Amino acid sequence: MVSPAELPTVSIADLPKDAVVLLDVREDDEWAAGHAPDAKHIPLGDLPSRVEELTELPTDVPVYVICRSGGRSARATAWLNSSGWDAVNVAGGMKSWQVEGRELISERPDTEPEIL
């Protein structure tokens, strides 16, 4: 695996706003509380057994990997890149996503989205 300094990384401010393939690797309760509208959800612990689900995503652009703050997504990015994917860690995670004012949705009925 690559060192953290060598890991492809992008800040929320530099993340394109449209046509981004976003993979959220947070746990189910975190996802339900609030997530990016078009993100694909596969918790980090499930990623090796569910990686085939990524074949449904476009392959001509990188997969941007996000979690709460950037730690789990860094591990997922390193694993995906070592497995042949073009993955980029999203620094600051969903906490930075929210601070930057990016859209959030919740899976909880009648509840404002939040980042756990």
N, C-alpha and C. Protein backbone atom coordinates (compact mmCIF):
# COMPACT_ATOMS: atom_id res chain seq x y z
N MET A 1 0.83 -1.18 0.00
CA MET A 1 0.00 0.00 0.00
C MET A 1 0.88 1.25 0.00
N VAL A 2 0.30 2.33 -0.44
CA VAL A 2 1.03 3.60 -0.50
C VAL A 2 1.00 4.28 0.86
N SER A 3 1.98 5.14 1.10
CA SER A 3 1.99 5.91 2.33
C SER A 3 0.92 6.99 2.23
N PRO A 4 0.49 7.53 3.39
CA PRO A 4 -0.53 8.60 3.35
C PRO A 4 -0.10 9.80 2.50
N ALA A 5 1.19 10.09 2.48
CA ALA A 5 1.67 11.23 1.69
C ALA A 5 1.52 10.98 0.19
N GLU A 6 1.51 9.73 -0.22
CA GLU A 6 1.40 9.38 -1.64
C GLU A 6 -0.03 9.13 -2.09
N LEU A 7 -0.96 9.13 -1.16
CA LEU A 7 -2.36 8.82 -1.46
C LEU A 7 -3.00 9.96 -2.24
N PRO A 8 -3.63 9.66 -3.38
CA PRO A 8 -4.34 10.72 -4.11
C PRO A 8 -5.44 11.30 -3.22
N THR A 9 -5.41 12.62 -3.06
CA THR A 9 -6.34 13.28 -2.14
C THR A 9 -6.84 14.58 -2.77
N VAL A 10 -8.09 14.92 -2.46
CA VAL A 10 -8.69 16.18 -2.92
C VAL A 10 -9.46 16.79 -1.75
N SER A 11 -9.45 18.10 -1.67
CA SER A 11 -10.27 18.79 -0.67
C SER A 11 -11.68 18.95 -1.21
N ILE A 12 -12.62 19.21 -0.32
CA ILE A 12 -14.00 19.45 -0.75
C ILE A 12 -14.04 20.66 -1.69
N ALA A 13 -13.28 21.69 -1.37
CA ALA A 13 -13.28 22.90 -2.21
C ALA A 13 -12.83 22.60 -3.63
N ASP A 14 -11.94 21.62 -3.81
CA ASP A 14 -11.43 21.27 -5.14
C ASP A 14 -12.19 20.11 -5.79
N LEU A 15 -13.13 19.54 -5.07
CA LEU A 15 -13.92 18.43 -5.61
C LEU A 15 -14.94 18.99 -6.60
N PRO A 16 -14.99 18.45 -7.82
CA PRO A 16 -15.99 18.94 -8.77
C PRO A 16 -17.40 18.82 -8.19
N LYS A 17 -18.27 19.75 -8.56
CA LYS A 17 -19.65 19.74 -8.03
C LYS A 17 -20.58 18.84 -8.84
N ASP A 18 -20.22 18.54 -10.08
CA ASP A 18 -21.10 17.74 -10.94
C ASP A 18 -20.36 16.51 -11.46
N ALA A 19 -21.12 15.49 -11.75
CA ALA A 19 -20.63 14.27 -12.40
C ALA A 19 -19.49 13.62 -11.62
N VAL A 20 -19.61 13.61 -10.29
CA VAL A 20 -18.61 12.99 -9.44
C VAL A 20 -19.12 11.63 -8.99
N VAL A 21 -18.26 10.62 -9.08
CA VAL A 21 -18.58 9.31 -8.54
C VAL A 21 -18.08 9.32 -7.10
N LEU A 22 -19.02 9.35 -6.14
CA LEU A 22 -18.69 9.48 -4.73
C LEU A 22 -19.07 8.19 -4.01
N LEU A 23 -18.09 7.61 -3.32
CA LEU A 23 -18.31 6.39 -2.53
C LEU A 23 -18.19 6.75 -1.06
N ASP A 24 -19.28 6.56 -0.31
CA ASP A 24 -19.33 6.86 1.11
C ASP A 24 -19.09 5.56 1.87
N VAL A 25 -18.02 5.51 2.69
CA VAL A 25 -17.66 4.28 3.38
C VAL A 25 -18.00 4.31 4.87
N ARG A 26 -18.89 5.25 5.26
CA ARG A 26 -19.31 5.32 6.67
C ARG A 26 -20.28 4.19 7.00
N GLU A 27 -20.55 4.04 8.30
CA GLU A 27 -21.48 3.02 8.76
C GLU A 27 -22.93 3.40 8.42
N ASP A 28 -23.82 2.42 8.51
CA ASP A 28 -25.22 2.61 8.12
C ASP A 28 -25.90 3.76 8.87
N ASP A 29 -25.66 3.88 10.18
CA ASP A 29 -26.33 4.94 10.94
C ASP A 29 -25.82 6.32 10.53
N GLU A 30 -24.53 6.42 10.20
CA GLU A 30 -23.97 7.69 9.74
C GLU A 30 -24.58 8.08 8.39
N TRP A 31 -24.68 7.10 7.51
CA TRP A 31 -25.27 7.32 6.18
C TRP A 31 -26.72 7.77 6.31
N ALA A 32 -27.49 7.08 7.15
CA ALA A 32 -28.91 7.41 7.31
C ALA A 32 -29.10 8.82 7.84
N ALA A 33 -28.21 9.29 8.69
CA ALA A 33 -28.35 10.62 9.28
C ALA A 33 -28.13 11.73 8.26
N GLY A 34 -27.20 11.53 7.33
CA GLY A 34 -26.95 12.54 6.31
C GLY A 34 -25.84 12.14 5.37
N HIS A 35 -26.11 12.32 4.07
CA HIS A 35 -25.13 11.95 3.05
C HIS A 35 -25.33 12.79 1.79
N ALA A 36 -24.34 12.71 0.92
CA ALA A 36 -24.42 13.40 -0.37
C ALA A 36 -25.51 12.72 -1.21
N PRO A 37 -26.28 13.49 -1.96
CA PRO A 37 -27.43 12.94 -2.68
C PRO A 37 -27.12 11.79 -3.64
N ASP A 38 -26.04 11.86 -4.39
CA ASP A 38 -25.79 10.84 -5.41
C ASP A 38 -24.69 9.86 -5.03
N ALA A 39 -24.31 9.82 -3.77
CA ALA A 39 -23.24 8.93 -3.33
C ALA A 39 -23.69 7.47 -3.34
N LYS A 40 -22.71 6.61 -3.52
CA LYS A 40 -22.90 5.15 -3.39
C LYS A 40 -22.44 4.80 -1.98
N HIS A 41 -23.19 3.99 -1.27
CA HIS A 41 -22.85 3.66 0.12
C HIS A 41 -22.41 2.21 0.24
N ILE A 42 -21.16 2.03 0.67
CA ILE A 42 -20.66 0.71 1.04
C ILE A 42 -19.77 0.94 2.26
N PRO A 43 -20.18 0.49 3.45
CA PRO A 43 -19.34 0.68 4.63
C PRO A 43 -17.95 0.07 4.44
N LEU A 44 -16.94 0.69 5.04
CA LEU A 44 -15.56 0.25 4.88
C LEU A 44 -15.40 -1.24 5.14
N GLY A 45 -15.98 -1.75 6.21
CA GLY A 45 -15.84 -3.17 6.54
C GLY A 45 -16.47 -4.10 5.52
N ASP A 46 -17.42 -3.60 4.75
CA ASP A 46 -18.09 -4.41 3.73
C ASP A 46 -17.44 -4.30 2.36
N LEU A 47 -16.52 -3.37 2.20
CA LEU A 47 -15.97 -3.06 0.87
C LEU A 47 -15.38 -4.27 0.16
N PRO A 48 -14.53 -5.08 0.80
CA PRO A 48 -13.97 -6.23 0.05
C PRO A 48 -15.03 -7.20 -0.47
N SER A 49 -16.09 -7.43 0.30
CA SER A 49 -17.11 -8.38 -0.14
C SER A 49 -18.13 -7.76 -1.09
N ARG A 50 -18.16 -6.42 -1.19
CA ARG A 50 -19.15 -5.75 -2.04
C ARG A 50 -18.52 -4.94 -3.17
N VAL A 51 -17.21 -5.10 -3.38
CA VAL A 51 -16.51 -4.28 -4.37
C VAL A 51 -17.10 -4.45 -5.77
N GLU A 52 -17.72 -5.60 -6.06
CA GLU A 52 -18.32 -5.80 -7.38
C GLU A 52 -19.42 -4.77 -7.66
N GLU A 53 -20.01 -4.21 -6.61
CA GLU A 53 -21.03 -3.17 -6.80
C GLU A 53 -20.45 -1.92 -7.46
N LEU A 54 -19.15 -1.73 -7.35
CA LEU A 54 -18.52 -0.56 -7.97
C LEU A 54 -18.48 -0.69 -9.48
N THR A 55 -18.64 -1.88 -10.01
CA THR A 55 -18.63 -2.05 -11.47
C THR A 55 -19.85 -1.39 -12.10
N GLU A 56 -20.86 -1.05 -11.30
CA GLU A 56 -22.04 -0.35 -11.80
C GLU A 56 -21.76 1.13 -12.03
N LEU A 57 -20.66 1.63 -11.49
CA LEU A 57 -20.33 3.05 -11.58
C LEU A 57 -19.53 3.34 -12.84
N PRO A 58 -19.54 4.59 -13.31
CA PRO A 58 -18.73 4.95 -14.49
C PRO A 58 -17.25 4.65 -14.24
N THR A 59 -16.55 4.19 -15.27
CA THR A 59 -15.14 3.83 -15.11
C THR A 59 -14.20 4.85 -15.75
N ASP A 60 -14.74 5.88 -16.38
CA ASP A 60 -13.89 6.86 -17.06
C ASP A 60 -13.54 8.05 -16.17
N VAL A 61 -13.95 8.01 -14.91
CA VAL A 61 -13.63 9.06 -13.94
C VAL A 61 -13.20 8.40 -12.63
N PRO A 62 -12.47 9.12 -11.80
CA PRO A 62 -12.06 8.53 -10.51
C PRO A 62 -13.25 8.31 -9.58
N VAL A 63 -13.07 7.38 -8.66
CA VAL A 63 -14.02 7.18 -7.57
C VAL A 63 -13.50 8.01 -6.40
N TYR A 64 -14.28 9.00 -5.98
CA TYR A 64 -13.91 9.82 -4.83
C TYR A 64 -14.48 9.15 -3.59
N VAL A 65 -13.63 8.88 -2.61
CA VAL A 65 -14.02 8.11 -1.43
C VAL A 65 -14.11 9.06 -0.23
N ILE A 66 -15.24 8.97 0.49
CA ILE A 66 -15.50 9.90 1.59
C ILE A 66 -15.99 9.14 2.82
N CYS A 67 -15.63 9.68 4.00
CA CYS A 67 -16.16 9.16 5.26
C CYS A 67 -16.51 10.37 6.13
N ARG A 68 -16.40 10.26 7.42
CA ARG A 68 -16.75 11.38 8.30
C ARG A 68 -15.69 12.47 8.27
N SER A 69 -14.41 12.06 8.40
CA SER A 69 -13.35 13.07 8.46
C SER A 69 -12.14 12.77 7.58
N GLY A 70 -12.03 11.58 7.03
CA GLY A 70 -10.95 11.28 6.09
C GLY A 70 -10.10 10.07 6.42
N GLY A 71 -10.23 9.51 7.61
CA GLY A 71 -9.42 8.35 7.99
C GLY A 71 -9.85 7.05 7.33
N ARG A 72 -11.12 6.71 7.45
CA ARG A 72 -11.61 5.47 6.82
C ARG A 72 -11.54 5.56 5.31
N SER A 73 -11.84 6.74 4.78
CA SER A 73 -11.79 6.88 3.32
C SER A 73 -10.36 6.76 2.81
N ALA A 74 -9.37 7.17 3.60
CA ALA A 74 -7.96 7.00 3.20
C ALA A 74 -7.62 5.52 3.11
N ARG A 75 -8.07 4.73 4.08
CA ARG A 75 -7.82 3.28 4.04
C ARG A 75 -8.53 2.65 2.84
N ALA A 76 -9.78 3.06 2.60
CA ALA A 76 -10.53 2.52 1.46
C ALA A 76 -9.87 2.92 0.14
N THR A 77 -9.41 4.16 0.04
CA THR A 77 -8.75 4.63 -1.18
C THR A 77 -7.49 3.83 -1.46
N ALA A 78 -6.68 3.61 -0.43
CA ALA A 78 -5.45 2.82 -0.60
C ALA A 78 -5.79 1.41 -1.06
N TRP A 79 -6.81 0.80 -0.45
CA TRP A 79 -7.19 -0.57 -0.82
C TRP A 79 -7.72 -0.61 -2.26
N LEU A 80 -8.59 0.33 -2.60
CA LEU A 80 -9.14 0.36 -3.95
C LEU A 80 -8.05 0.55 -5.00
N ASN A 81 -7.12 1.47 -4.75
CA ASN A 81 -6.04 1.70 -5.71
C ASN A 81 -5.15 0.47 -5.85
N SER A 82 -4.89 -0.23 -4.75
CA SER A 82 -4.07 -1.45 -4.83
C SER A 82 -4.82 -2.58 -5.52
N SER A 83 -6.16 -2.43 -5.62
CA SER A 83 -6.99 -3.44 -6.30
C SER A 83 -7.33 -3.05 -7.74
N GLY A 84 -6.70 -1.99 -8.25
CA GLY A 84 -6.87 -1.63 -9.65
C GLY A 84 -7.84 -0.51 -9.94
N TRP A 85 -8.44 0.09 -8.93
CA TRP A 85 -9.37 1.20 -9.14
C TRP A 85 -8.61 2.51 -9.19
N ASP A 86 -9.22 3.53 -9.76
CA ASP A 86 -8.70 4.89 -9.74
C ASP A 86 -9.49 5.62 -8.67
N ALA A 87 -8.97 5.62 -7.43
CA ALA A 87 -9.68 6.18 -6.29
C ALA A 87 -8.92 7.37 -5.72
N VAL A 88 -9.68 8.34 -5.19
CA VAL A 88 -9.12 9.55 -4.61
C VAL A 88 -9.80 9.78 -3.25
N ASN A 89 -9.00 9.99 -2.21
CA ASN A 89 -9.52 10.27 -0.89
C ASN A 89 -10.04 11.71 -0.82
N VAL A 90 -11.19 11.90 -0.19
CA VAL A 90 -11.74 13.24 0.02
C VAL A 90 -11.34 13.70 1.42
N ALA A 91 -10.38 14.62 1.48
CA ALA A 91 -9.87 15.12 2.75
C ALA A 91 -10.96 15.87 3.52
N GLY A 92 -11.02 15.64 4.80
CA GLY A 92 -12.01 16.34 5.63
C GLY A 92 -13.36 15.68 5.67
N GLY A 93 -13.63 14.78 4.74
CA GLY A 93 -14.85 13.99 4.75
C GLY A 93 -16.15 14.78 4.75
N MET A 94 -17.18 14.13 5.26
CA MET A 94 -18.52 14.73 5.26
C MET A 94 -18.61 15.93 6.20
N LYS A 95 -17.74 16.00 7.20
CA LYS A 95 -17.73 17.20 8.06
C LYS A 95 -17.36 18.42 7.22
N SER A 96 -16.34 18.28 6.35
CA SER A 96 -15.96 19.38 5.47
C SER A 96 -17.03 19.61 4.40
N TRP A 97 -17.65 18.54 3.93
CA TRP A 97 -18.73 18.65 2.95
C TRP A 97 -19.82 19.58 3.50
N GLN A 98 -20.20 19.35 4.76
CA GLN A 98 -21.23 20.16 5.38
C GLN A 98 -20.76 21.61 5.57
N VAL A 99 -19.53 21.79 6.03
CA VAL A 99 -18.99 23.15 6.24
C VAL A 99 -18.96 23.93 4.93
N GLU A 100 -18.66 23.24 3.82
CA GLU A 100 -18.60 23.89 2.50
C GLU A 100 -19.99 24.17 1.92
N GLY A 101 -21.04 23.72 2.62
CA GLY A 101 -22.41 24.01 2.17
C GLY A 101 -22.90 23.10 1.06
N ARG A 102 -22.26 21.94 0.90
CA ARG A 102 -22.73 21.00 -0.12
C ARG A 102 -24.04 20.36 0.34
N GLU A 103 -24.83 19.94 -0.62
CA GLU A 103 -26.16 19.39 -0.33
C GLU A 103 -26.06 18.10 0.47
N LEU A 104 -26.96 17.97 1.43
CA LEU A 104 -27.09 16.76 2.25
C LEU A 104 -28.53 16.28 2.21
N ILE A 105 -28.71 14.97 2.26
CA ILE A 105 -30.04 14.40 2.41
C ILE A 105 -29.99 13.39 3.54
N SER A 106 -31.15 13.09 4.10
CA SER A 106 -31.26 12.14 5.20
C SER A 106 -32.16 10.98 4.77
N GLU A 107 -31.88 9.82 5.32
CA GLU A 107 -32.74 8.66 5.09
C GLU A 107 -33.80 8.55 6.19
N ARG A 108 -33.73 9.43 7.16
CA ARG A 108 -34.68 9.43 8.26
C ARG A 108 -35.87 10.31 7.91
N PRO A 109 -37.08 9.79 7.97
CA PRO A 109 -38.26 10.59 7.62
C PRO A 109 -38.39 11.82 8.52
N ASP A 110 -38.71 12.94 7.90
CA ASP A 110 -39.00 14.19 8.61
C ASP A 110 -37.87 14.64 9.54
N THR A 111 -36.63 14.37 9.15
CA THR A 111 -35.48 14.75 9.96
C THR A 111 -34.48 15.51 9.09
N GLU A 112 -33.99 16.63 9.61
CA GLU A 112 -32.95 17.38 8.92
C GLU A 112 -31.68 16.52 8.85
N PRO A 113 -30.98 16.54 7.71
CA PRO A 113 -29.74 15.76 7.64
C PRO A 113 -28.68 16.31 8.57
N GLU A 114 -27.88 15.42 9.13
CA GLU A 114 -26.78 15.80 9.99
C GLU A 114 -25.62 14.83 9.77
N ILE A 115 -24.43 15.27 10.15
CA ILE A 115 -23.26 14.41 10.05
C ILE A 115 -22.92 13.91 11.44
N LEU A 116 -22.98 12.59 11.60
CA LEU A 116 -22.65 11.98 12.89
C LEU A 116 -21.16 11.73 12.99
